[in-house]
N, C-alpha and C. Protein backbone atom coordinates (compact mmCIF):
# COMPACT_ATOMS: atom_id res chain seq x y z
N MET A 1 -26.44 11.43 -9.09
CA MET A 1 -26.01 10.17 -9.66
C MET A 1 -24.66 10.32 -10.37
N ALA A 2 -24.48 11.42 -11.07
CA ALA A 2 -23.23 11.66 -11.78
C ALA A 2 -22.07 11.79 -10.79
N GLU A 3 -22.34 12.38 -9.64
CA GLU A 3 -21.30 12.54 -8.62
C GLU A 3 -20.88 11.18 -8.07
N LEU A 4 -21.85 10.30 -7.84
CA LEU A 4 -21.55 8.95 -7.35
C LEU A 4 -20.73 8.18 -8.37
N LYS A 5 -21.12 8.29 -9.64
CA LYS A 5 -20.39 7.61 -10.71
C LYS A 5 -18.95 8.10 -10.78
N HIS A 6 -18.76 9.42 -10.65
CA HIS A 6 -17.42 10.01 -10.68
C HIS A 6 -16.58 9.50 -9.50
N LYS A 7 -17.18 9.45 -8.30
CA LYS A 7 -16.46 8.95 -7.12
C LYS A 7 -16.10 7.48 -7.28
N ALA A 8 -17.03 6.68 -7.81
CA ALA A 8 -16.77 5.26 -8.03
C ALA A 8 -15.62 5.06 -9.01
N GLU A 9 -15.60 5.85 -10.08
CA GLU A 9 -14.52 5.75 -11.07
C GLU A 9 -13.19 6.15 -10.45
N LYS A 10 -13.20 7.19 -9.62
CA LYS A 10 -11.98 7.65 -8.95
C LYS A 10 -11.43 6.56 -8.04
N ILE A 11 -12.32 5.90 -7.30
CA ILE A 11 -11.91 4.80 -6.42
C ILE A 11 -11.34 3.66 -7.26
N ALA A 12 -12.03 3.30 -8.33
CA ALA A 12 -11.62 2.17 -9.16
C ALA A 12 -10.25 2.40 -9.80
N LEU A 13 -9.95 3.63 -10.13
CA LEU A 13 -8.68 3.93 -10.79
C LEU A 13 -7.55 4.19 -9.81
N SER A 14 -7.88 4.27 -8.51
CA SER A 14 -6.84 4.45 -7.49
C SER A 14 -6.18 3.10 -7.21
N ASN A 15 -5.19 3.09 -6.37
CA ASN A 15 -4.44 1.88 -6.10
C ASN A 15 -4.90 1.25 -4.78
N VAL A 16 -6.19 0.98 -4.65
CA VAL A 16 -6.72 0.37 -3.43
C VAL A 16 -6.99 -1.11 -3.69
N SER A 17 -6.89 -1.91 -2.64
CA SER A 17 -7.14 -3.34 -2.81
C SER A 17 -8.47 -3.76 -2.22
N MET A 18 -9.08 -2.89 -1.38
CA MET A 18 -10.32 -3.24 -0.75
C MET A 18 -11.18 -1.99 -0.56
N VAL A 19 -12.47 -2.13 -0.82
CA VAL A 19 -13.40 -1.01 -0.67
C VAL A 19 -14.57 -1.50 0.17
N LEU A 20 -14.93 -0.74 1.20
CA LEU A 20 -16.09 -1.07 2.03
C LEU A 20 -17.18 -0.06 1.70
N ILE A 21 -18.30 -0.56 1.24
CA ILE A 21 -19.43 0.30 0.87
C ILE A 21 -20.53 0.05 1.89
N VAL A 22 -20.97 1.10 2.55
CA VAL A 22 -22.01 0.97 3.57
C VAL A 22 -23.23 1.79 3.19
N GLY A 23 -24.38 1.40 3.70
CA GLY A 23 -25.60 2.13 3.43
C GLY A 23 -26.82 1.31 3.79
N GLU A 24 -27.95 1.94 3.72
CA GLU A 24 -29.21 1.27 4.04
C GLU A 24 -29.51 0.17 3.02
N SER A 25 -30.35 -0.75 3.43
CA SER A 25 -30.77 -1.83 2.56
C SER A 25 -31.52 -1.27 1.35
N GLY A 26 -31.18 -1.77 0.17
CA GLY A 26 -31.86 -1.36 -1.05
C GLY A 26 -31.38 -0.07 -1.68
N THR A 27 -30.20 0.43 -1.26
CA THR A 27 -29.70 1.70 -1.80
C THR A 27 -28.76 1.52 -2.98
N GLY A 28 -28.46 0.27 -3.35
CA GLY A 28 -27.62 0.05 -4.53
C GLY A 28 -26.15 -0.14 -4.24
N LYS A 29 -25.82 -0.59 -3.02
CA LYS A 29 -24.41 -0.80 -2.67
C LYS A 29 -23.76 -1.84 -3.58
N GLU A 30 -24.47 -2.91 -3.85
CA GLU A 30 -23.89 -3.96 -4.70
C GLU A 30 -23.72 -3.47 -6.14
N LEU A 31 -24.63 -2.65 -6.62
CA LEU A 31 -24.48 -2.09 -7.97
C LEU A 31 -23.23 -1.23 -8.07
N VAL A 32 -23.00 -0.41 -7.03
CA VAL A 32 -21.80 0.44 -7.01
C VAL A 32 -20.56 -0.44 -6.96
N ALA A 33 -20.60 -1.48 -6.12
CA ALA A 33 -19.46 -2.39 -6.01
C ALA A 33 -19.16 -3.08 -7.34
N ARG A 34 -20.21 -3.53 -8.00
CA ARG A 34 -20.02 -4.19 -9.31
C ARG A 34 -19.45 -3.21 -10.34
N TYR A 35 -19.90 -1.96 -10.29
CA TYR A 35 -19.40 -0.95 -11.21
C TYR A 35 -17.91 -0.69 -10.97
N ILE A 36 -17.53 -0.53 -9.69
CA ILE A 36 -16.12 -0.32 -9.36
C ILE A 36 -15.29 -1.52 -9.83
N HIS A 37 -15.79 -2.71 -9.56
CA HIS A 37 -15.08 -3.93 -9.95
C HIS A 37 -14.91 -4.03 -11.46
N SER A 38 -15.96 -3.66 -12.18
CA SER A 38 -15.88 -3.75 -13.64
C SER A 38 -14.83 -2.81 -14.22
N ILE A 39 -14.60 -1.71 -13.54
CA ILE A 39 -13.56 -0.78 -14.00
C ILE A 39 -12.18 -1.30 -13.60
N MET A 40 -12.08 -1.83 -12.37
CA MET A 40 -10.79 -2.29 -11.86
C MET A 40 -10.29 -3.53 -12.58
N TYR A 41 -11.21 -4.44 -12.89
CA TYR A 41 -10.81 -5.73 -13.47
C TYR A 41 -11.54 -5.95 -14.78
N ASP A 42 -10.79 -6.32 -15.76
CA ASP A 42 -11.33 -6.66 -17.06
C ASP A 42 -11.02 -8.14 -17.27
N GLU A 43 -11.97 -8.91 -17.77
CA GLU A 43 -11.76 -10.35 -17.93
C GLU A 43 -10.54 -10.67 -18.77
N SER A 44 -10.18 -9.77 -19.66
CA SER A 44 -9.01 -10.02 -20.49
C SER A 44 -7.72 -9.54 -19.81
N ALA A 45 -7.88 -8.83 -18.70
CA ALA A 45 -6.70 -8.30 -18.00
C ALA A 45 -5.95 -9.42 -17.29
N LYS A 46 -4.70 -9.19 -17.06
CA LYS A 46 -3.83 -10.17 -16.43
C LYS A 46 -4.26 -10.47 -14.99
N GLY A 47 -4.67 -9.47 -14.26
CA GLY A 47 -5.01 -9.64 -12.85
C GLY A 47 -6.50 -9.79 -12.60
N PHE A 48 -7.22 -10.45 -13.49
CA PHE A 48 -8.66 -10.59 -13.34
C PHE A 48 -9.01 -11.32 -12.05
N ALA A 49 -10.03 -10.83 -11.37
CA ALA A 49 -10.54 -11.47 -10.17
C ALA A 49 -12.06 -11.45 -10.25
N PRO A 50 -12.71 -12.54 -9.87
CA PRO A 50 -14.17 -12.57 -9.93
C PRO A 50 -14.79 -11.66 -8.87
N PHE A 51 -15.96 -11.15 -9.14
CA PHE A 51 -16.69 -10.33 -8.16
C PHE A 51 -17.40 -11.28 -7.21
N ILE A 52 -17.22 -11.06 -5.92
CA ILE A 52 -17.88 -11.89 -4.91
C ILE A 52 -18.63 -10.97 -3.96
N ALA A 53 -19.94 -11.08 -3.93
CA ALA A 53 -20.77 -10.28 -3.02
C ALA A 53 -20.85 -11.01 -1.68
N ILE A 54 -20.65 -10.28 -0.60
CA ILE A 54 -20.68 -10.85 0.74
C ILE A 54 -21.73 -10.13 1.57
N ASN A 55 -22.60 -10.89 2.20
CA ASN A 55 -23.59 -10.33 3.11
C ASN A 55 -22.92 -10.21 4.48
N CYS A 56 -22.40 -9.04 4.79
CA CYS A 56 -21.64 -8.85 6.03
C CYS A 56 -22.49 -8.98 7.28
N THR A 57 -23.81 -8.81 7.17
CA THR A 57 -24.66 -8.96 8.35
C THR A 57 -24.71 -10.41 8.81
N ALA A 58 -24.35 -11.34 7.94
CA ALA A 58 -24.38 -12.76 8.29
C ALA A 58 -23.07 -13.22 8.94
N LEU A 59 -22.08 -12.35 8.99
CA LEU A 59 -20.78 -12.73 9.54
C LEU A 59 -20.63 -12.26 10.99
N PRO A 60 -19.97 -13.05 11.84
CA PRO A 60 -19.73 -12.61 13.21
C PRO A 60 -18.82 -11.39 13.22
N ARG A 61 -19.10 -10.45 14.10
CA ARG A 61 -18.34 -9.20 14.16
C ARG A 61 -16.82 -9.40 14.27
N PRO A 62 -16.31 -10.29 15.16
CA PRO A 62 -14.85 -10.48 15.24
C PRO A 62 -14.24 -10.95 13.92
N PHE A 63 -14.94 -11.84 13.22
CA PHE A 63 -14.44 -12.32 11.93
C PHE A 63 -14.39 -11.19 10.93
N LEU A 64 -15.42 -10.36 10.92
CA LEU A 64 -15.49 -9.24 10.00
C LEU A 64 -14.36 -8.25 10.26
N LYS A 65 -14.15 -7.93 11.54
CA LYS A 65 -13.06 -7.00 11.91
C LYS A 65 -11.71 -7.55 11.47
N ALA A 66 -11.48 -8.82 11.74
CA ALA A 66 -10.20 -9.44 11.37
C ALA A 66 -10.01 -9.47 9.86
N SER A 67 -11.09 -9.72 9.13
CA SER A 67 -11.01 -9.80 7.68
C SER A 67 -10.64 -8.46 7.06
N PHE A 68 -11.22 -7.39 7.58
CA PHE A 68 -10.96 -6.08 6.99
C PHE A 68 -9.69 -5.43 7.52
N SER A 69 -9.24 -5.82 8.71
CA SER A 69 -8.02 -5.22 9.24
C SER A 69 -6.78 -6.00 8.82
N GLY A 70 -6.99 -7.23 8.33
CA GLY A 70 -5.86 -8.03 7.89
C GLY A 70 -5.20 -8.81 9.01
N THR A 71 -5.75 -8.73 10.21
CA THR A 71 -5.18 -9.47 11.34
C THR A 71 -5.79 -10.85 11.40
N ARG A 72 -5.04 -11.75 12.01
CA ARG A 72 -5.54 -13.10 12.15
C ARG A 72 -5.33 -13.56 13.58
N ARG A 73 -6.39 -13.99 14.22
CA ARG A 73 -6.30 -14.45 15.59
C ARG A 73 -5.71 -15.85 15.59
N GLU A 74 -4.78 -16.08 16.50
CA GLU A 74 -4.19 -17.40 16.64
C GLU A 74 -5.22 -18.35 17.23
N PRO A 75 -5.23 -19.59 16.79
CA PRO A 75 -6.19 -20.55 17.34
C PRO A 75 -5.89 -20.85 18.80
N SER A 76 -6.91 -21.11 19.56
CA SER A 76 -6.75 -21.46 20.97
C SER A 76 -6.14 -22.85 21.07
N PRO A 77 -5.61 -23.22 22.26
CA PRO A 77 -5.06 -24.58 22.41
C PRO A 77 -6.10 -25.66 22.09
N MET A 78 -7.36 -25.42 22.45
CA MET A 78 -8.42 -26.40 22.17
C MET A 78 -8.62 -26.54 20.66
N GLN A 79 -8.62 -25.40 19.94
CA GLN A 79 -8.79 -25.45 18.49
C GLN A 79 -7.63 -26.18 17.83
N ARG A 80 -6.41 -25.94 18.32
CA ARG A 80 -5.24 -26.62 17.76
C ARG A 80 -5.33 -28.12 18.00
N ARG A 81 -5.77 -28.54 19.20
CA ARG A 81 -5.90 -29.96 19.51
C ARG A 81 -6.94 -30.61 18.61
N LYS A 82 -8.10 -29.93 18.45
CA LYS A 82 -9.16 -30.48 17.59
C LYS A 82 -8.67 -30.63 16.15
N ARG A 83 -7.93 -29.62 15.68
CA ARG A 83 -7.40 -29.67 14.33
C ARG A 83 -6.44 -30.84 14.17
N ARG A 84 -5.58 -31.03 15.18
CA ARG A 84 -4.61 -32.12 15.15
C ARG A 84 -5.33 -33.47 15.18
N GLU A 85 -6.36 -33.58 16.03
CA GLU A 85 -7.12 -34.84 16.10
C GLU A 85 -7.80 -35.13 14.78
N TYR A 86 -8.36 -34.11 14.16
CA TYR A 86 -9.02 -34.28 12.86
C TYR A 86 -8.00 -34.73 11.82
N SER A 87 -6.86 -34.07 11.81
CA SER A 87 -5.82 -34.40 10.85
C SER A 87 -5.32 -35.82 11.06
N ASN A 88 -5.12 -36.20 12.31
CA ASN A 88 -4.64 -37.55 12.62
C ASN A 88 -5.66 -38.60 12.21
N SER A 89 -6.93 -38.30 12.36
CA SER A 89 -7.96 -39.29 12.02
C SER A 89 -7.99 -39.57 10.52
N HIS A 90 -7.53 -38.60 9.72
CA HIS A 90 -7.54 -38.79 8.26
C HIS A 90 -6.22 -39.33 7.72
N THR A 91 -5.17 -39.22 8.54
CA THR A 91 -3.88 -39.72 8.06
C THR A 91 -3.54 -41.07 8.66
N GLY A 92 -4.30 -41.48 9.70
CA GLY A 92 -4.01 -42.75 10.35
C GLY A 92 -2.92 -42.65 11.38
N ASN A 93 -2.45 -41.45 11.66
CA ASN A 93 -1.41 -41.22 12.64
C ASN A 93 -2.05 -41.06 14.01
N ASP A 94 -1.72 -41.92 14.97
CA ASP A 94 -2.36 -41.87 16.29
C ASP A 94 -1.55 -41.09 17.32
N THR A 95 -0.42 -40.54 16.96
CA THR A 95 0.37 -39.79 17.95
C THR A 95 -0.27 -38.45 18.22
N PRO A 96 -0.25 -38.00 19.48
CA PRO A 96 -0.90 -36.72 19.83
C PRO A 96 -0.18 -35.50 19.30
């Protein structure tokens, strides 16, 4: 346990912006994440950020990969058309 705490502190004090913690269900991944976050961010600190737990098993694999790699897939022509139609329906603009 002391070794895990030391590793978590080392990660928290490093200059990383994202940490992926993996393990079996019920092993305390969220506790470790909260501990790292509490060291990295202090509510009184200038760069405070709230802790947000994400259940990655509920996310589609392509979305998860894109989220962690920082890449963003361009929308397909159909997605762009739907977005434009939605936007036009709310602005009253009927041009395609």
